[in-house]
Amino acid sequence: MANDRPILSVIIVAYKSRSEIGACLESLPREIEDRGVEVVVIDNYPADGTSEFVGDAFPWVTLLDAGGESGLWDGQQSRV
Protein backbone atom coordinates (compact mmCIF):
# COMPACT_ATOMS: atom_id res chain seq x y z
CA MET A 1 0.00 0.00 0.00
CA ALA A 2 1.49 3.34 -1.07
CA ASN A 3 1.76 6.13 1.46
CA ASP A 4 0.07 9.24 0.04
CA ARG A 5 1.09 11.51 2.89
CA PRO A 6 3.89 13.96 2.13
CA ILE A 7 7.31 13.02 3.42
CA LEU A 8 8.08 16.68 4.13
CA SER A 9 6.04 19.83 4.73
CA VAL A 10 7.67 23.21 4.11
CA ILE A 11 5.91 26.30 5.48
CA ILE A 12 7.15 29.68 4.28
CA VAL A 13 6.00 32.92 5.88
CA ALA A 14 6.33 35.61 3.22
CA TYR A 15 6.40 39.34 4.00
CA LYS A 16 7.22 41.72 1.18
CA SER A 17 8.91 38.79 -0.57
CA ARG A 18 7.76 39.09 -4.19
CA SER A 19 11.31 39.43 -5.52
CA GLU A 20 12.71 36.46 -3.55
CA ILE A 21 9.89 33.90 -3.38
CA GLY A 22 10.34 32.52 -6.91
CA ALA A 23 13.94 31.42 -6.37
CA CYS A 24 13.03 30.01 -2.98
CA LEU A 25 10.18 27.87 -4.33
CA GLU A 26 12.19 26.73 -7.37
CA SER A 27 14.90 25.41 -5.05
CA LEU A 28 12.52 23.03 -3.26
CA PRO A 29 12.12 19.43 -4.41
CA ARG A 30 8.64 18.34 -5.49
CA GLU A 31 9.21 14.86 -4.09
CA ILE A 32 11.71 12.87 -2.04
CA GLU A 33 12.03 9.09 -2.35
CA ASP A 34 8.87 8.92 -4.47
CA ARG A 35 6.81 10.77 -1.87
CA GLY A 36 5.41 14.24 -2.24
CA VAL A 37 6.69 17.39 -0.62
CA GLU A 38 3.97 19.74 0.64
CA VAL A 39 4.74 23.46 0.36
CA VAL A 40 2.62 26.12 2.04
CA VAL A 41 3.20 29.86 1.64
CA ILE A 42 1.57 32.25 4.10
CA ASP A 43 1.52 35.71 2.51
CA ASN A 44 1.54 38.44 5.14
CA TYR A 45 1.75 41.36 2.70
CA PRO A 46 -0.52 40.71 -0.29
CA ALA A 47 -0.12 44.27 -1.58
CA ASP A 48 3.26 43.45 -3.19
CA GLY A 49 1.81 40.83 -5.57
CA THR A 50 3.37 37.78 -3.93
CA SER A 51 0.05 35.90 -3.76
CA GLU A 52 -0.74 36.44 -7.43
CA PHE A 53 2.77 35.47 -8.49
CA VAL A 54 2.85 32.28 -6.40
CA GLY A 55 -0.66 31.30 -7.50
CA ASP A 56 0.20 31.73 -11.19
CA ALA A 57 3.77 30.39 -11.27
CA PHE A 58 3.56 27.63 -8.64
CA PRO A 59 0.10 26.02 -8.76
CA TRP A 60 1.36 23.07 -6.67
CA VAL A 61 1.94 25.37 -3.68
CA THR A 62 -0.81 25.84 -1.10
CA LEU A 63 -1.22 29.59 -0.66
CA LEU A 64 -2.71 31.18 2.44
CA ASP A 65 -3.39 34.91 2.42
CA ALA A 66 -3.00 36.32 5.93
CA GLY A 67 -5.21 39.22 4.88
CA GLY A 68 -3.12 42.22 5.76
CA GLU A 69 0.13 43.66 6.99
CA SER A 70 0.41 41.47 10.03
CA GLY A 71 4.16 40.95 9.83
CA LEU A 72 6.40 37.94 10.38
CA TRP A 73 5.44 37.21 13.99
CA ASP A 74 1.71 36.89 13.23
CA GLY A 75 2.48 34.65 10.25
CA GLN A 76 4.48 32.31 12.42
CA GLN A 77 1.56 32.13 14.82
CA SER A 78 -0.98 31.25 12.07
CA ARG A 79 -2.60 27.87 12.28
CA VAL A 80 -1.73 25.83 9.23
C-alpha atoms as a PDB file:
ATOM      1  CA  MET A   1       0.000   0.000   0.000  1.00  0.00           C
ATOM      2  CA  ALA A   2       1.486   3.340  -1.070  1.00  0.00           C
ATOM      3  CA  ASN A   3       1.757   6.128   1.463  1.00  0.00           C
ATOM      4  CA  ASP A   4       0.070   9.236   0.044  1.00  0.00           C
ATOM      5  CA  ARG A   5       1.092  11.507   2.890  1.00  0.00           C
ATOM      6  CA  PRO A   6       3.895  13.965   2.135  1.00  0.00           C
ATOM      7  CA  ILE A   7       7.310  13.024   3.416  1.00  0.00           C
ATOM      8  CA  LEU A   8       8.076  16.684   4.135  1.00  0.00           C
ATOM      9  CA  SER A   9       6.035  19.830   4.730  1.00  0.00           C
ATOM     10  CA  VAL A  10       7.665  23.207   4.111  1.00  0.00           C
ATOM     11  CA  ILE A  11       5.909  26.296   5.481  1.00  0.00           C
ATOM     12  CA  ILE A  12       7.150  29.675   4.285  1.00  0.00           C
ATOM     13  CA  VAL A  13       5.999  32.916   5.880  1.00  0.00           C
ATOM     14  CA  ALA A  14       6.328  35.614   3.218  1.00  0.00           C
ATOM     15  CA  TYR A  15       6.405  39.335   4.003  1.00  0.00           C
ATOM     16  CA  LYS A  16       7.222  41.720   1.176  1.00  0.00           C
ATOM     17  CA  SER A  17       8.906  38.788  -0.572  1.00  0.00           C
ATOM     18  CA  ARG A  18       7.758  39.086  -4.190  1.00  0.00           C
ATOM     19  CA  SER A  19      11.309  39.432  -5.522  1.00  0.00           C
ATOM     20  CA  GLU A  20      12.705  36.456  -3.550  1.00  0.00           C
ATOM     21  CA  ILE A  21       9.890  33.900  -3.383  1.00  0.00           C
ATOM     22  CA  GLY A  22      10.343  32.516  -6.906  1.00  0.00           C
ATOM     23  CA  ALA A  23      13.938  31.416  -6.374  1.00  0.00           C
ATOM     24  CA  CYS A  24      13.035  30.015  -2.981  1.00  0.00           C
ATOM     25  CA  LEU A  25      10.180  27.868  -4.334  1.00  0.00           C
ATOM     26  CA  GLU A  26      12.193  26.727  -7.373  1.00  0.00           C
ATOM     27  CA  SER A  27      14.904  25.406  -5.046  1.00  0.00           C
ATOM     28  CA  LEU A  28      12.522  23.033  -3.259  1.00  0.00           C
ATOM     29  CA  PRO A  29      12.122  19.433  -4.407  1.00  0.00           C
ATOM     30  CA  ARG A  30       8.642  18.337  -5.488  1.00  0.00           C
ATOM     31  CA  GLU A  31       9.206  14.863  -4.092  1.00  0.00           C
ATOM     32  CA  ILE A  32      11.706  12.868  -2.043  1.00  0.00           C
ATOM     33  CA  GLU A  33      12.035   9.092  -2.355  1.00  0.00           C
ATOM     34  CA  ASP A  34       8.869   8.916  -4.467  1.00  0.00           C
ATOM     35  CA  ARG A  35       6.813  10.773  -1.866  1.00  0.00           C
ATOM     36  CA  GLY A  36       5.411  14.235  -2.241  1.00  0.00           C
ATOM     37  CA  VAL A  37       6.688  17.394  -0.622  1.00  0.00           C
ATOM     38  CA  GLU A  38       3.972  19.735   0.639  1.00  0.00           C
ATOM     39  CA  VAL A  39       4.742  23.458   0.358  1.00  0.00           C
ATOM     40  CA  VAL A  40       2.622  26.122   2.036  1.00  0.00           C
ATOM     41  CA  VAL A  41       3.197  29.865   1.636  1.00  0.00           C
ATOM     42  CA  ILE A  42       1.568  32.247   4.105  1.00  0.00           C
ATOM     43  CA  ASP A  43       1.521  35.706   2.506  1.00  0.00           C
ATOM     44  CA  ASN A  44       1.535  38.445   5.136  1.00  0.00           C
ATOM     45  CA  TYR A  45       1.754  41.357   2.701  1.00  0.00           C
ATOM     46  CA  PRO A  46      -0.522  40.710  -0.293  1.00  0.00           C
ATOM     47  CA  ALA A  47      -0.118  44.272  -1.580  1.00  0.00           C
ATOM     48  CA  ASP A  48       3.256  43.450  -3.191  1.00  0.00           C
ATOM     49  CA  GLY A  49       1.813  40.834  -5.566  1.00  0.00           C
ATOM     50  CA  THR A  50       3.367  37.778  -3.926  1.00  0.00           C
ATOM     51  CA  SER A  51       0.049  35.905  -3.757  1.00  0.00           C
ATOM     52  CA  GLU A  52      -0.736  36.437  -7.434  1.00  0.00           C
ATOM     53  CA  PHE A  53       2.772  35.467  -8.491  1.00  0.00           C
ATOM     54  CA  VAL A  54       2.845  32.280  -6.403  1.00  0.00           C
ATOM     55  CA  GLY A  55      -0.662  31.297  -7.500  1.00  0.00           C
ATOM     56  CA  ASP A  56       0.202  31.729 -11.187  1.00  0.00           C
ATOM     57  CA  ALA A  57       3.766  30.386 -11.271  1.00  0.00           C
ATOM     58  CA  PHE A  58       3.556  27.631  -8.636  1.00  0.00           C
ATOM     59  CA  PRO A  59       0.105  26.016  -8.759  1.00  0.00           C
ATOM     60  CA  TRP A  60       1.364  23.065  -6.672  1.00  0.00           C
ATOM     61  CA  VAL A  61       1.941  25.367  -3.679  1.00  0.00           C
ATOM     62  CA  THR A  62      -0.810  25.844  -1.101  1.00  0.00           C
ATOM     63  CA  LEU A  63      -1.225  29.589  -0.659  1.00  0.00           C
ATOM     64  CA  LEU A  64      -2.715  31.180   2.441  1.00  0.00           C
ATOM     65  CA  ASP A  65      -3.390  34.914   2.423  1.00  0.00           C
ATOM     66  CA  ALA A  66      -2.997  36.322   5.928  1.00  0.00           C
ATOM     67  CA  GLY A  67      -5.212  39.224   4.882  1.00  0.00           C
ATOM     68  CA  GLY A  68      -3.116  42.217   5.763  1.00  0.00           C
ATOM     69  CA  GLU A  69       0.127  43.663   6.986  1.00  0.00           C
ATOM     70  CA  SER A  70       0.408  41.469  10.034  1.00  0.00           C
ATOM     71  CA  GLY A  71       4.162  40.951   9.830  1.00  0.00           C
ATOM     72  CA  LEU A  72       6.399  37.941  10.384  1.00  0.00           C
ATOM     73  CA  TRP A  73       5.443  37.213  13.990  1.00  0.00           C
ATOM     74  CA  ASP A  74       1.711  36.891  13.230  1.00  0.00           C
ATOM     75  CA  GLY A  75       2.485  34.651  10.250  1.00  0.00           C
ATOM     76  CA  GLN A  76       4.479  32.315  12.425  1.00  0.00           C
ATOM     77  CA  GLN A  77       1.563  32.129  14.823  1.00  0.00           C
ATOM     78  CA  SER A  78      -0.976  31.253  12.068  1.00  0.00           C
ATOM     79  CA  ARG A  79      -2.602  27.872  12.276  1.00  0.00           C
ATOM     80  CA  VAL A  80      -1.728  25.830   9.234  1.00  0.00           C
END
